[in-house]
Amino acid sequence: MSNACKLIVFILFCLSSSRAQAQTEDLTLWYTQPATQWEEALPLGNGRLGMMPHGGVDKEIITLNEITLWSGGPQDANNYQAASYLPQIRSLLLQGKNEAAETLINQNFVCTGEGSGRGNGANVPFGCYQVLGELQLDFNYPKSSETKKYTRALSITNAKATSSFVKDDVTYNREYFSSFYNDVNVIRLTASKKKHISFRISLTRPERFETSSQQGVVTMTGQLNNGTDGNGMRYQVQVGVQTKGGNVKTIGNQLEVNAADEVILIISAGTDFKDADYQSTIQNLLNSALHTPYKTLLQNHLASYKKYFDRVAIQIGNNNKRDIPTDKRLTAFYNSPDTDPGMAALFYQFGRYLSISSTRPGLLPPNLQGLWANQIQTPWNGDYHLDVNVQMNHWPLEVSNLSELNLPLADMVHKMVKSGEKTARAYYNAPGWVAHVITNVWGFTAPGEDASWGVTNAGSGWLCNNLWEHYAFTQDLAYLEYIYPILKGSAEFYNSNLIAEPKRQWLVTAPSVSPENSFILPNGKHTSICMGPTIDTQIAYELFTNVIEAATILNRDEELRNTLKEKLNQLP
């Protein structure tokens, strides 16, 4: 064997050995105190259901989420007179009167109604992604004593959280996971001595809910505001209880567990977003999990989760700092990153964990919050910002071997097209489809409520790049057939919306906005409305190139291909 071959074999051996070591190592975030605020709680999720346990000793708060829980509802926010003002807006821009163009846009070229509510859309038709509620566990210990040896942890290797502590020489353990197999949240509570687990179980949320309790199940039901008549999305949460030893009593709308050896809590939840019979679905999932042994629930969860997580292993240096609590380790890493290369690997895998936990095929893509929220009015509505946020949520997926997690985004964009076609006609008298800077689960595509940000029209083209990337990685021709009409419609819009700027006759978009950007006019005033921001040119170039390639592969639309090739040569 030559020296070169020996070197290759040695390198492959090292890589396979390090991969095996990294793959079997438990990657864990851990802390020595309960969360003092929601942001410190541990995120768990199976793509649909989420929960964040705080790890409190006397009172455990577990924030619950369900990815479809949105207020608001379908609406047509297009201004169907807007296109009549487009020639005047473009004329003002060509004359360098950007400020006047922005004024005219604010008057006649934004959405109708309240739009996103300026980021506070919980009670307007645009809506808001909302917290499902809180599961509260109020504990009663046999003796009031000091808490010792407290730890809580999140294993991203196993998608499972734990907490452990000692009170009066009794060790209490809690385990939490959002099952990827049974589609329920699961909590297990144990103690090192029998008859030492006693607590009350309740469900709550800030508004629009009713709770009840009977036959070992706590139930919360409600209906969100749709922004018109108040009758929006319906939801339900059920918490079922199983105990070894002790007893369970109904106390009003709560349950009380007394002197148990072990307790299993199963949390089942859902909405009527795509399931008119959602209450039966919730009940069936609850019953199935309650009749499954905990060991089996955990085994099935791990097998389903690891099909995603175990596809990638990474080792950077060693992980010899893992015995340091993660908050302290992160501070040390910030001050001296070279001393803890294993932290970079943990951080990367934590990102993969969050992606796996916040979406899955057949469901919604992750929103601004991913899956997790703790408010009725989630910041910026917890919506889908199309001016980089939704795109960057998906950028890591293909290169992290999580390719199919891009499919929920493709499905959401597919459902936006009909609304986007109306918007393209209403504002630009253009073929194809367009979406601007924000959207929601209801398919909002109109401009936002203010010219300074709301007429960013590159969002739909940028989304198409994400869709194309999945094809580029997978070479899946059936998928290309599925997305081609979306890409083609977007290219038809941008092709129609390009105009020649007077100085060099370059083709540019008008009107438009460079997202979240403004500039100073010669008179010293600020404005955002412009022609041909660089981002639009980049997106149009990328979109046209991808559509030409897709049409060539699928052997169709030769005339469109030729048109787009000509336009590519006329872009700045």
Protein backbone atom coordinates (compact mmCIF):
# COMPACT_ATOMS: atom_id res chain seq x y z
CA MET A 1 0.00 0.00 0.00
CA SER A 2 1.40 3.40 -0.93
CA ASN A 3 1.99 6.11 1.66
CA ALA A 4 -0.80 8.18 0.10
CA CYS A 5 -3.28 5.30 0.47
CA LYS A 6 -2.17 4.70 4.04
CA LEU A 7 -2.74 8.40 4.79
CA ILE A 8 -6.26 8.29 3.30
CA VAL A 9 -7.14 5.15 5.31
CA PHE A 10 -5.80 6.76 8.49
CA ILE A 11 -7.83 9.95 7.92
CA LEU A 12 -11.01 7.95 7.23
CA PHE A 13 -10.42 5.93 10.41
CA CYS A 14 -10.02 9.11 12.46
CA LEU A 15 -13.14 10.65 10.97
CA SER A 16 -15.24 7.54 11.60
CA SER A 17 -13.90 7.22 15.13
CA SER A 18 -14.57 10.85 15.99
CA ARG A 19 -18.02 10.57 14.43
CA ALA A 20 -18.87 7.55 16.56
CA GLN A 21 -17.58 9.25 19.69
CA ALA A 22 -19.49 12.47 18.96
CA GLN A 23 -22.64 10.55 18.03
CA THR A 24 -22.75 8.61 21.31
CA GLU A 25 -21.90 11.60 23.48
CA ASP A 26 -24.88 13.15 25.25
CA LEU A 27 -24.99 16.82 24.26
CA THR A 28 -26.57 18.64 27.18
CA LEU A 29 -27.40 22.13 28.35
CA TRP A 30 -27.63 22.21 32.15
CA TYR A 31 -28.10 24.65 35.02
CA THR A 32 -27.99 24.72 38.81
CA GLN A 33 -31.09 26.82 39.42
CA PRO A 34 -34.69 27.04 38.11
CA ALA A 35 -35.55 29.48 35.34
CA THR A 36 -36.34 32.95 36.65
CA GLN A 37 -38.03 34.01 33.39
CA TRP A 38 -39.51 32.34 30.34
CA GLU A 39 -36.41 32.90 28.21
CA GLU A 40 -34.43 30.71 30.63
CA ALA A 41 -36.86 27.76 30.44
CA LEU A 42 -35.95 24.67 28.41
CA PRO A 43 -37.52 24.44 24.92
CA LEU A 44 -39.09 21.12 23.94
CA GLY A 45 -41.13 20.48 20.81
CA ASN A 46 -42.14 17.88 18.25
CA GLY A 47 -42.89 20.27 15.38
CA ARG A 48 -46.53 20.73 16.43
CA LEU A 49 -46.64 20.77 20.23
CA GLY A 50 -44.16 22.62 22.39
CA MET A 51 -43.54 23.08 26.09
CA MET A 52 -41.01 24.95 28.19
CA PRO A 53 -40.61 23.76 31.80
CA HIS A 54 -39.16 26.30 34.22
CA GLY A 55 -38.03 23.68 36.74
CA GLY A 56 -39.49 25.33 39.83
CA VAL A 57 -39.31 23.33 43.06
CA ASP A 58 -42.45 24.48 44.88
CA LYS A 59 -44.29 25.66 41.76
CA GLU A 60 -43.50 24.28 38.34
CA ILE A 61 -44.68 26.41 35.40
CA ILE A 62 -44.72 24.72 32.00
CA THR A 63 -45.50 27.01 29.07
CA LEU A 64 -47.48 25.21 26.36
CA ASN A 65 -47.61 25.86 22.62
CA GLU A 66 -49.34 24.53 19.51
CA ILE A 67 -47.94 25.69 16.16
CA THR A 68 -51.30 26.50 14.54
CA LEU A 69 -52.76 28.62 17.38
CA TRP A 70 -53.40 31.96 15.68
CA SER A 71 -55.92 34.69 16.24
CA GLY A 72 -57.24 36.62 13.23
CA GLY A 73 -58.60 34.96 10.13
CA PRO A 74 -58.71 35.07 6.33
CA GLN A 75 -59.16 38.56 4.88
CA ASP A 76 -58.75 40.46 1.63
CA ALA A 77 -56.65 43.50 2.54
CA ASN A 78 -55.93 44.53 -1.06
CA ASN A 79 -56.73 48.05 -2.23
CA TYR A 80 -58.19 47.42 -5.68
CA GLN A 81 -57.75 51.08 -6.67
CA ALA A 82 -54.02 51.03 -5.95
CA ALA A 83 -52.88 50.17 -9.49
CA SER A 84 -54.43 53.35 -10.84
CA TYR A 85 -51.85 55.31 -8.80
CA LEU A 86 -48.86 53.26 -9.97
CA PRO A 87 -48.04 55.43 -13.05
CA GLN A 88 -48.03 58.56 -10.90
CA ILE A 89 -45.84 56.94 -8.23
CA ARG A 90 -43.34 55.84 -10.86
CA SER A 91 -43.35 59.24 -12.52
CA LEU A 92 -42.49 60.89 -9.21
CA LEU A 93 -39.64 58.44 -8.65
CA LEU A 94 -38.27 59.04 -12.15
CA GLN A 95 -38.28 62.77 -11.37
CA GLY A 96 -36.37 62.18 -8.14
CA LYS A 97 -39.38 63.12 -6.00
CA ASN A 98 -39.10 60.14 -3.65
CA GLU A 99 -40.64 61.96 -0.72
CA ALA A 100 -43.77 62.81 -2.69
CA ALA A 101 -43.94 59.24 -3.97
CA GLU A 102 -43.82 57.95 -0.38
CA THR A 103 -46.66 60.26 0.61
CA LEU A 104 -48.78 59.05 -2.30
CA ILE A 105 -48.03 55.41 -1.42
CA ASN A 106 -49.08 55.94 2.18
CA GLN A 107 -52.33 57.42 0.94
CA ASN A 108 -53.23 54.93 -1.77
CA PHE A 109 -50.79 52.01 -2.07
CA VAL A 110 -50.73 50.25 1.31
CA CYS A 111 -53.10 47.59 2.62
CA THR A 112 -56.66 48.35 3.60
CA GLY A 113 -57.81 48.09 7.20
CA GLU A 114 -55.40 47.74 10.11
CA GLY A 115 -52.86 45.49 8.45
CA SER A 116 -50.62 43.82 11.01
CA GLY A 117 -51.74 46.26 13.71
CA ARG A 118 -48.22 47.69 13.52
CA GLY A 119 -46.92 44.46 15.02
CA ASN A 120 -49.75 44.24 17.55
CA GLY A 121 -52.27 42.22 15.61
CA ALA A 122 -53.76 39.94 18.27
CA ASN A 123 -57.18 41.59 17.96
CA VAL A 124 -57.25 42.58 14.29
CA PRO A 125 -57.90 40.29 11.28
CA PHE A 126 -54.19 39.81 10.59
CA GLY A 127 -53.91 37.96 13.89
CA CYS A 128 -51.08 36.79 16.07
CA TYR A 129 -49.39 33.54 17.04
CA GLN A 130 -50.29 33.03 20.71
CA VAL A 131 -49.31 31.05 23.77
CA LEU A 132 -51.53 28.03 24.26
CA GLY A 133 -51.41 28.29 28.03
CA GLU A 134 -49.60 27.31 31.20
CA LEU A 135 -49.65 24.02 33.03
CA GLN A 136 -49.06 24.81 36.71
CA LEU A 137 -47.99 22.22 39.28
CA ASP A 138 -48.15 23.39 42.92
CA PHE A 139 -46.24 20.97 45.16
CA ASN A 140 -46.79 20.06 48.77
CA TYR A 141 -43.81 18.43 50.46
CA PRO A 142 -44.04 16.43 53.71
CA LYS A 143 -41.60 18.82 55.39
CA SER A 144 -40.51 22.37 54.65
CA SER A 145 -36.78 22.00 54.17
CA GLU A 146 -33.89 23.41 52.18
CA THR A 147 -33.53 22.39 48.54
CA LYS A 148 -30.16 20.81 47.80
CA LYS A 149 -28.28 19.42 44.79
CA TYR A 150 -30.56 21.15 42.28
CA THR A 151 -29.94 20.62 38.56
CA ARG A 152 -32.04 20.93 35.42
CA ALA A 153 -30.93 19.91 31.98
CA LEU A 154 -31.88 19.62 28.33
CA SER A 155 -30.41 16.72 26.41
CA ILE A 156 -30.47 17.71 22.76
CA THR A 157 -29.21 14.22 21.92
CA ASN A 158 -32.48 12.79 23.25
CA ALA A 159 -34.86 15.80 23.06
CA LYS A 160 -35.60 15.36 26.74
CA ALA A 161 -35.45 17.71 29.73
CA THR A 162 -34.92 16.78 33.36
CA SER A 163 -34.78 18.37 36.78
CA SER A 164 -33.54 16.88 40.03
CA PHE A 165 -33.18 18.06 43.62
CA VAL A 166 -33.11 16.82 47.19
CA LYS A 167 -35.45 17.87 50.00
CA ASP A 168 -35.33 16.23 53.44
CA ASP A 169 -33.10 13.41 52.14
CA VAL A 170 -35.61 12.61 49.38
CA THR A 171 -34.45 12.88 45.76
CA TYR A 172 -37.11 14.18 43.37
CA ASN A 173 -36.74 13.68 39.63
CA ARG A 174 -38.78 15.03 36.74
CA GLU A 175 -38.54 14.10 33.07
CA TYR A 176 -40.17 15.97 30.18
CA PHE A 177 -40.40 15.35 26.43
CA SER A 178 -42.60 16.28 23.48
CA SER A 179 -43.16 12.94 21.82
CA PHE A 180 -42.24 12.74 18.15
CA TYR A 181 -44.15 9.46 17.94
CA ASN A 182 -47.29 9.77 20.08
CA ASP A 183 -47.74 13.51 19.38
CA VAL A 184 -48.31 14.44 23.04
CA ASN A 185 -46.25 16.09 25.77
CA VAL A 186 -45.12 13.71 28.52
CA ILE A 187 -43.98 14.44 32.08
CA ARG A 188 -42.84 11.87 34.61
CA LEU A 189 -42.34 12.64 38.33
CA THR A 190 -40.59 10.24 40.72
CA ALA A 191 -39.21 10.31 44.26
CA SER A 192 -36.67 8.12 46.04
CA LYS A 193 -39.18 7.39 48.81
CA LYS A 194 -42.73 6.17 48.39
CA LYS A 195 -45.77 8.40 49.03
CA HIS A 196 -43.73 11.61 48.69
CA ILE A 197 -45.30 13.16 45.57
CA SER A 198 -48.22 15.52 46.26
CA PHE A 199 -49.29 18.48 44.12
CA ARG A 200 -52.17 20.28 42.42
CA ILE A 201 -52.59 20.47 38.64
CA SER A 202 -54.18 23.46 36.89
CA LEU A 203 -54.32 25.01 33.43
CA THR A 204 -54.54 28.72 32.67
CA ARG A 205 -53.88 31.39 30.06
CA PRO A 206 -54.26 35.20 30.10
CA GLU A 207 -57.63 35.31 28.28
CA ARG A 208 -60.38 33.48 26.40
CA PHE A 209 -60.42 30.17 28.22
CA GLU A 210 -62.51 27.92 30.42
CA THR A 211 -61.22 25.04 32.53
CA SER A 212 -62.84 21.96 34.01
CA SER A 213 -61.72 18.78 35.71
CA GLN A 214 -63.21 15.31 35.88
CA GLN A 215 -62.20 11.66 35.87
CA GLY A 216 -58.49 12.35 36.17
CA VAL A 217 -58.33 14.87 33.32
CA VAL A 218 -57.98 18.68 33.43
CA THR A 219 -59.36 20.38 30.32
CA MET A 220 -58.97 23.93 28.98
CA THR A 221 -61.01 25.13 26.00
CA GLY A 222 -61.41 28.47 24.29
CA GLN A 223 -61.80 30.48 21.11
CA LEU A 224 -59.50 33.28 19.94
CA ASN A 225 -60.51 36.62 18.45
CA ASN A 226 -60.68 36.69 14.65
CA GLY A 227 -60.63 40.50 14.58
CA THR A 228 -64.14 40.80 13.17
CA ASP A 229 -66.92 39.07 15.12
CA GLY A 230 -64.67 37.57 17.80
CA ASN A 231 -65.30 33.98 16.75
CA GLY A 232 -61.87 32.81 15.67
CA MET A 233 -59.84 29.66 16.06
CA ARG A 234 -60.97 27.10 18.64
CA TYR A 235 -58.53 25.13 20.78
CA GLN A 236 -58.43 22.56 23.55
CA VAL A 237 -55.85 21.18 25.99
CA GLN A 238 -56.27 18.01 28.03
CA VAL A 239 -53.97 16.84 30.81
CA GLY A 240 -54.39 13.22 31.87
CA VAL A 241 -52.91 11.77 35.06
CA GLN A 242 -51.64 8.31 35.96
CA THR A 243 -50.21 7.45 39.36
CA LYS A 244 -48.50 4.61 41.15
CA GLY A 245 -49.74 4.70 44.71
CA GLY A 246 -51.59 7.60 46.25
CA ASN A 247 -54.82 9.02 44.89
CA VAL A 248 -56.17 11.69 42.56
CA LYS A 249 -59.03 14.01 43.56
CA THR A 250 -61.03 16.58 41.65
CA ILE A 251 -60.93 19.97 43.39
CA GLY A 252 -63.08 22.39 41.39
CA ASN A 253 -61.38 22.84 38.01
CA GLN A 254 -58.11 21.34 39.26
CA LEU A 255 -56.77 17.91 40.11
CA GLU A 256 -54.97 17.05 43.33
CA VAL A 257 -52.45 14.21 43.59
CA ASN A 258 -51.75 12.95 47.09
CA ALA A 259 -48.97 10.70 48.41
CA ALA A 260 -48.05 9.09 45.09
CA ASP A 261 -44.90 7.10 44.37
CA GLU A 262 -44.77 8.08 40.69
CA VAL A 263 -46.90 10.29 38.43
CA ILE A 264 -47.20 10.41 34.63
CA LEU A 265 -48.81 13.48 33.02
CA ILE A 266 -49.92 13.33 29.38
CA ILE A 267 -50.70 16.64 27.66
CA SER A 268 -52.74 16.50 24.46
CA ALA A 269 -53.75 19.64 22.58
CA GLY A 270 -54.93 20.92 19.22
CA THR A 271 -56.96 23.46 17.26
CA ASP A 272 -59.58 23.48 14.54
CA PHE A 273 -57.14 25.10 12.06
CA LYS A 274 -57.17 22.08 9.75
CA ASP A 275 -59.17 19.64 11.85
CA ALA A 276 -62.90 20.20 12.32
CA ASP A 277 -62.98 17.14 14.61
CA TYR A 278 -60.00 18.36 16.66
CA GLN A 279 -61.53 17.46 20.03
CA SER A 280 -61.81 13.80 19.03
CA THR A 281 -58.24 13.88 17.75
CA ILE A 282 -57.04 15.29 21.07
CA GLN A 283 -58.99 12.69 23.05
CA ASN A 284 -57.71 9.81 20.95
CA LEU A 285 -54.09 10.91 21.29
CA LEU A 286 -54.54 11.28 25.06
CA ASN A 287 -56.15 7.86 25.47
CA SER A 288 -53.52 6.16 23.34
CA ALA A 289 -50.66 7.65 25.36
CA LEU A 290 -52.32 6.90 28.70
CA HIS A 291 -52.57 3.24 27.71
CA THR A 292 -48.89 3.07 26.69
CA PRO A 293 -46.19 2.31 29.30
CA TYR A 294 -43.81 5.19 29.98
CA LYS A 295 -40.82 3.12 28.86
CA THR A 296 -42.48 2.52 25.49
CA LEU A 297 -43.48 6.19 25.14
CA LEU A 298 -39.86 7.21 25.68
CA GLN A 299 -38.40 4.53 23.39
CA ASN A 300 -40.74 5.44 20.55
CA HIS A 301 -40.00 9.14 21.00
CA LEU A 302 -36.24 8.60 20.92
CA ALA A 303 -36.40 6.40 17.83
CA SER A 304 -38.52 8.96 15.94
CA TYR A 305 -36.43 11.96 17.00
CA LYS A 306 -33.07 10.35 16.34
CA LYS A 307 -34.03 9.65 12.73
CA TYR A 308 -33.45 13.38 12.31
CA PHE A 309 -30.86 14.32 14.90
CA ASP A 310 -28.42 11.42 14.44
CA ARG A 311 -27.85 12.19 10.76
CA VAL A 312 -25.06 14.64 11.65
CA ALA A 313 -22.28 14.35 14.19
CA ILE A 314 -19.64 16.98 14.73
CA GLN A 315 -16.64 17.11 17.02
CA ILE A 316 -14.48 20.22 17.39
CA GLY A 317 -11.63 19.59 19.74
CA ASN A 318 -12.91 18.02 22.94
CA ASN A 319 -15.93 18.63 25.12
CA ASN A 320 -14.07 18.67 28.43
CA LYS A 321 -15.97 21.73 29.65
CA ARG A 322 -19.32 19.93 29.72
CA ASP A 323 -19.15 19.62 33.52
CA ILE A 324 -19.49 23.42 33.78
CA PRO A 325 -23.09 24.73 33.97
CA THR A 326 -24.06 26.05 30.55
CA ASP A 327 -24.70 29.65 31.61
CA LYS A 328 -21.24 29.89 33.17
CA ARG A 329 -19.70 27.97 30.27
CA LEU A 330 -21.22 30.37 27.76
CA THR A 331 -19.80 33.37 29.62
CA ALA A 332 -16.36 31.75 29.68
CA PHE A 333 -16.62 30.91 25.99
CA TYR A 334 -17.47 34.52 25.17
CA ASN A 335 -14.35 35.69 26.99
CA SER A 336 -12.03 32.93 25.75
CA PRO A 337 -13.48 30.88 22.88
CA ASP A 338 -10.23 29.09 22.11
CA THR A 339 -10.32 27.26 25.43
CA ASP A 340 -13.62 25.48 24.70
CA PRO A 341 -13.96 24.41 21.06
CA GLY A 342 -16.58 21.85 22.13
CA MET A 343 -18.96 24.72 22.85
CA ALA A 344 -19.08 25.57 19.16
CA ALA A 345 -20.15 22.01 18.34
CA LEU A 346 -22.80 22.09 21.07
CA PHE A 347 -24.09 25.44 19.75
CA TYR A 348 -24.34 24.07 16.21
CA GLN A 349 -26.22 20.97 17.32
CA PHE A 350 -28.52 23.10 19.48
CA GLY A 351 -29.47 24.97 16.31
CA ARG A 352 -30.29 21.69 14.58
CA TYR A 353 -32.28 20.63 17.64
CA LEU A 354 -34.39 23.80 17.51
CA SER A 355 -35.11 23.29 13.81
CA ILE A 356 -36.12 19.65 14.33
CA SER A 357 -38.31 20.62 17.29
CA SER A 358 -40.16 23.50 15.61
CA THR A 359 -41.42 21.98 12.33
CA ARG A 360 -42.00 18.75 10.48
CA PRO A 361 -43.46 17.73 7.09
CA GLY A 362 -47.20 18.27 6.85
CA LEU A 363 -47.21 21.06 9.42
CA LEU A 364 -46.40 24.78 9.44
CA PRO A 365 -42.89 26.19 9.06
CA PRO A 366 -41.30 27.83 12.12
CA ASN A 367 -42.45 31.41 12.66
CA LEU A 368 -40.54 34.33 14.19
CA GLN A 369 -40.68 32.50 17.53
CA GLY A 370 -39.94 29.09 16.05
CA LEU A 371 -42.60 27.16 17.97
CA TRP A 372 -42.37 28.80 21.39
CA ALA A 373 -44.27 31.82 22.71
CA ASN A 374 -45.44 32.92 26.16
CA GLN A 375 -47.77 35.83 25.38
CA ILE A 376 -51.12 36.66 23.81
CA GLN A 377 -49.49 39.50 21.89
CA THR A 378 -46.33 37.79 20.72
CA PRO A 379 -43.64 40.26 19.58
CA TRP A 380 -44.22 41.25 15.94
CA ASN A 381 -47.21 38.88 15.99
CA GLY A 382 -44.87 35.89 15.84
CA ASP A 383 -45.62 36.00 12.12
CA TYR A 384 -43.58 35.22 9.00
CA HIS A 385 -41.34 38.14 7.99
CA LEU A 386 -40.36 37.72 4.35
CA ASP A 387 -37.47 40.18 4.36
CA VAL A 388 -34.93 37.67 5.74
CA ASN A 389 -36.39 36.07 8.89
CA VAL A 390 -38.30 33.15 7.41
CA GLN A 391 -35.50 32.60 4.91
CA MET A 392 -32.75 32.42 7.53
CA ASN A 393 -34.84 30.02 9.64
CA HIS A 394 -34.46 27.60 6.73
CA TRP A 395 -30.94 28.29 5.44
CA PRO A 396 -29.25 25.72 7.74
CA LEU A 397 -31.60 22.84 6.91
CA GLU A 398 -30.12 21.44 3.70
CA VAL A 399 -26.51 21.70 4.87
CA SER A 400 -27.46 20.14 8.22
CA ASN A 401 -29.05 17.06 6.61
CA LEU A 402 -32.59 18.10 7.55
CA SER A 403 -33.77 18.53 3.98
CA GLU A 404 -37.43 17.54 4.37
CA LEU A 405 -37.94 20.24 7.02
CA ASN A 406 -38.01 22.68 4.08
CA LEU A 407 -41.25 21.13 2.81
CA PRO A 408 -43.63 22.96 5.22
CA LEU A 409 -42.36 26.27 3.81
CA ALA A 410 -43.00 25.10 0.25
CA ASP A 411 -46.53 24.11 1.22
CA MET A 412 -47.18 27.47 2.90
CA VAL A 413 -45.91 29.39 -0.16
CA HIS A 414 -48.04 27.20 -2.44
CA LYS A 415 -51.12 28.27 -0.46
CA MET A 416 -50.12 31.97 -0.73
CA VAL A 417 -50.15 32.04 -4.53
CA LYS A 418 -53.88 32.65 -5.10
CA SER A 419 -53.89 35.56 -2.66
CA GLY A 420 -50.63 36.82 -4.19
CA GLU A 421 -52.19 36.80 -7.67
CA LYS A 422 -54.95 39.13 -6.44
CA THR A 423 -52.34 41.40 -4.86
CA ALA A 424 -50.26 41.52 -8.06
CA ARG A 425 -53.30 42.65 -10.06
CA ALA A 426 -54.60 45.07 -7.43
CA TYR A 427 -51.36 47.02 -6.96
CA TYR A 428 -49.29 46.48 -10.10
CA ASN A 429 -51.81 45.33 -12.73
CA ALA A 430 -49.31 42.53 -13.18
CA PRO A 431 -49.49 38.83 -13.98
CA GLY A 432 -48.08 36.22 -11.62
CA TRP A 433 -48.11 36.64 -7.86
CA VAL A 434 -46.40 38.73 -5.21
CA ALA A 435 -46.09 38.88 -1.44
CA HIS A 436 -44.57 41.79 0.38
CA VAL A 437 -42.87 41.89 3.78
CA ILE A 438 -45.19 39.93 6.11
CA THR A 439 -47.51 36.97 5.96
CA ASN A 440 -49.42 34.73 8.35
CA VAL A 441 -51.19 31.38 8.40
CA TRP A 442 -54.13 33.07 6.63
CA GLY A 443 -52.16 33.87 3.45
CA PHE A 444 -51.71 37.65 3.80
CA THR A 445 -49.85 39.07 0.74
CA ALA A 446 -50.85 42.76 0.60
CA PRO A 447 -48.36 45.53 1.39
CA GLY A 448 -47.96 46.44 5.02
CA GLU A 449 -49.63 49.47 6.55
CA ASP A 450 -46.75 51.91 6.08
CA ALA A 451 -44.75 52.77 2.96
CA SER A 452 -41.43 52.89 4.82
CA TRP A 453 -41.42 49.11 5.17
CA GLY A 454 -44.67 47.72 3.82
CA VAL A 455 -44.02 47.91 0.08
CA THR A 456 -40.90 45.78 0.16
CA ASN A 457 -41.89 43.49 -2.72
CA ALA A 458 -38.90 41.17 -2.80
CA GLY A 459 -40.38 38.75 -0.26
CA SER A 460 -42.02 36.38 -2.71
CA GLY A 461 -38.96 36.21 -4.95
CA TRP A 462 -36.74 35.54 -1.96
CA LEU A 463 -39.04 32.73 -0.81
CA CYS A 464 -38.65 31.15 -4.22
CA ASN A 465 -34.92 30.92 -3.67
CA ASN A 466 -35.53 28.82 -0.55
CA LEU A 467 -37.81 26.56 -2.56
CA TRP A 468 -35.22 26.21 -5.31
CA GLU A 469 -32.46 25.36 -2.83
CA HIS A 470 -34.35 22.24 -1.78
CA TYR A 471 -34.44 21.08 -5.39
CA ALA A 472 -30.77 21.96 -5.87
CA PHE A 473 -29.81 19.70 -2.97
CA THR A 474 -32.22 16.84 -3.64
CA GLN A 475 -32.58 16.83 -7.47
CA ASP A 476 -36.16 15.68 -6.82
CA LEU A 477 -38.00 16.10 -10.15
CA ALA A 478 -41.44 15.51 -8.60
CA TYR A 479 -40.74 18.34 -6.17
CA LEU A 480 -39.54 20.55 -9.04
CA GLU A 481 -42.85 19.91 -10.83
CA TYR A 482 -44.64 20.98 -7.63
CA ILE A 483 -42.77 24.26 -7.17
CA TYR A 484 -42.35 25.24 -10.82
CA PRO A 485 -45.71 27.06 -11.10
CA ILE A 486 -44.79 29.02 -7.95
CA LEU A 487 -41.40 30.04 -9.34
CA LYS A 488 -42.84 30.81 -12.76
CA GLY A 489 -45.60 33.00 -11.33
CA SER A 490 -43.12 34.95 -9.26
CA ALA A 491 -40.85 35.48 -12.28
CA GLU A 492 -43.82 36.65 -14.35
CA PHE A 493 -44.55 39.28 -11.72
CA TYR A 494 -41.00 40.63 -11.51
CA ASN A 495 -40.65 40.57 -15.28
CA SER A 496 -43.77 42.74 -15.56
CA ASN A 497 -42.75 45.05 -12.72
CA LEU A 498 -39.37 46.09 -14.11
CA ILE A 499 -39.06 49.55 -15.68
CA ALA A 500 -36.13 51.30 -17.39
CA GLU A 501 -34.33 53.87 -15.26
CA PRO A 502 -33.47 56.95 -17.35
CA LYS A 503 -29.71 57.26 -16.93
CA ARG A 504 -28.46 53.85 -18.10
CA GLN A 505 -31.70 52.17 -19.16
CA TRP A 506 -31.19 49.45 -16.57
CA LEU A 507 -34.31 47.51 -15.63
CA VAL A 508 -35.28 48.12 -12.01
CA THR A 509 -38.24 47.54 -9.69
CA ALA A 510 -40.39 50.57 -8.88
CA PRO A 511 -41.63 51.36 -6.35
CA SER A 512 -39.72 49.38 -3.76
CA VAL A 513 -37.89 49.57 -0.44
CA SER A 514 -34.57 48.24 0.72
CA PRO A 515 -35.83 46.29 3.76
CA GLU A 516 -35.65 48.22 7.02
CA ASN A 517 -33.50 50.86 5.36
CA SER A 518 -33.81 54.55 4.48
CA PHE A 519 -31.63 57.17 2.85
CA ILE A 520 -31.09 60.91 2.92
CA LEU A 521 -32.42 63.05 0.08
CA PRO A 522 -30.52 66.07 -1.29
CA ASN A 523 -32.84 68.28 0.80
CA GLY A 524 -31.69 66.46 3.96
CA LYS A 525 -34.91 64.60 4.58
CA HIS A 526 -35.18 60.83 5.04
CA THR A 527 -37.22 58.52 2.86
CA SER A 528 -37.44 54.79 2.17
CA ILE A 529 -39.23 54.58 -1.19
CA CYS A 530 -36.86 54.11 -4.13
CA MET A 531 -36.28 52.41 -7.47
CA GLY A 532 -34.21 49.27 -7.89
CA PRO A 533 -32.69 48.61 -4.48
CA THR A 534 -29.76 46.23 -4.82
CA ILE A 535 -31.61 43.44 -3.03
CA ASP A 536 -34.36 43.46 -5.66
CA THR A 537 -31.81 43.16 -8.45
CA GLN A 538 -30.09 40.25 -6.74
CA ILE A 539 -33.36 38.44 -6.11
CA ALA A 540 -34.64 39.03 -9.65
CA TYR A 541 -31.36 37.78 -11.11
CA GLU A 542 -31.42 34.66 -8.94
CA LEU A 543 -35.11 34.01 -9.59
CA PHE A 544 -34.85 34.44 -13.38
CA THR A 545 -31.78 32.18 -13.49
CA ASN A 546 -33.52 29.46 -11.48
CA VAL A 547 -36.70 29.62 -13.56
CA ILE A 548 -34.69 29.37 -16.79
CA GLU A 549 -32.93 26.28 -15.44
CA ALA A 550 -36.14 24.73 -14.12
CA ALA A 551 -37.99 25.31 -17.41
CA THR A 552 -35.07 23.81 -19.31
CA ILE A 553 -35.04 20.70 -17.11
CA LEU A 554 -38.81 20.30 -17.46
CA ASN A 555 -38.70 21.21 -21.18
CA ARG A 556 -41.37 23.90 -21.16
CA ASP A 557 -42.04 27.65 -21.53
CA GLU A 558 -39.34 28.34 -24.13
CA GLU A 559 -40.73 31.81 -24.82
CA LEU A 560 -40.58 32.74 -21.13
CA ARG A 561 -37.04 31.39 -20.92
CA ASN A 562 -35.93 33.60 -23.78
CA THR A 563 -37.64 36.65 -22.30
CA LEU A 564 -35.97 36.14 -18.93
CA LYS A 565 -32.57 35.66 -20.57
CA GLU A 566 -32.97 39.03 -22.29
CA LYS A 567 -34.02 40.68 -19.03
CA LEU A 568 -30.99 39.26 -17.21
CA ASN A 569 -28.73 41.22 -19.55
CA GLN A 570 -30.59 44.43 -18.74
CA LEU A 571 -30.38 44.21 -14.95
CA PRO A 572 -27.85 46.52 -13.23
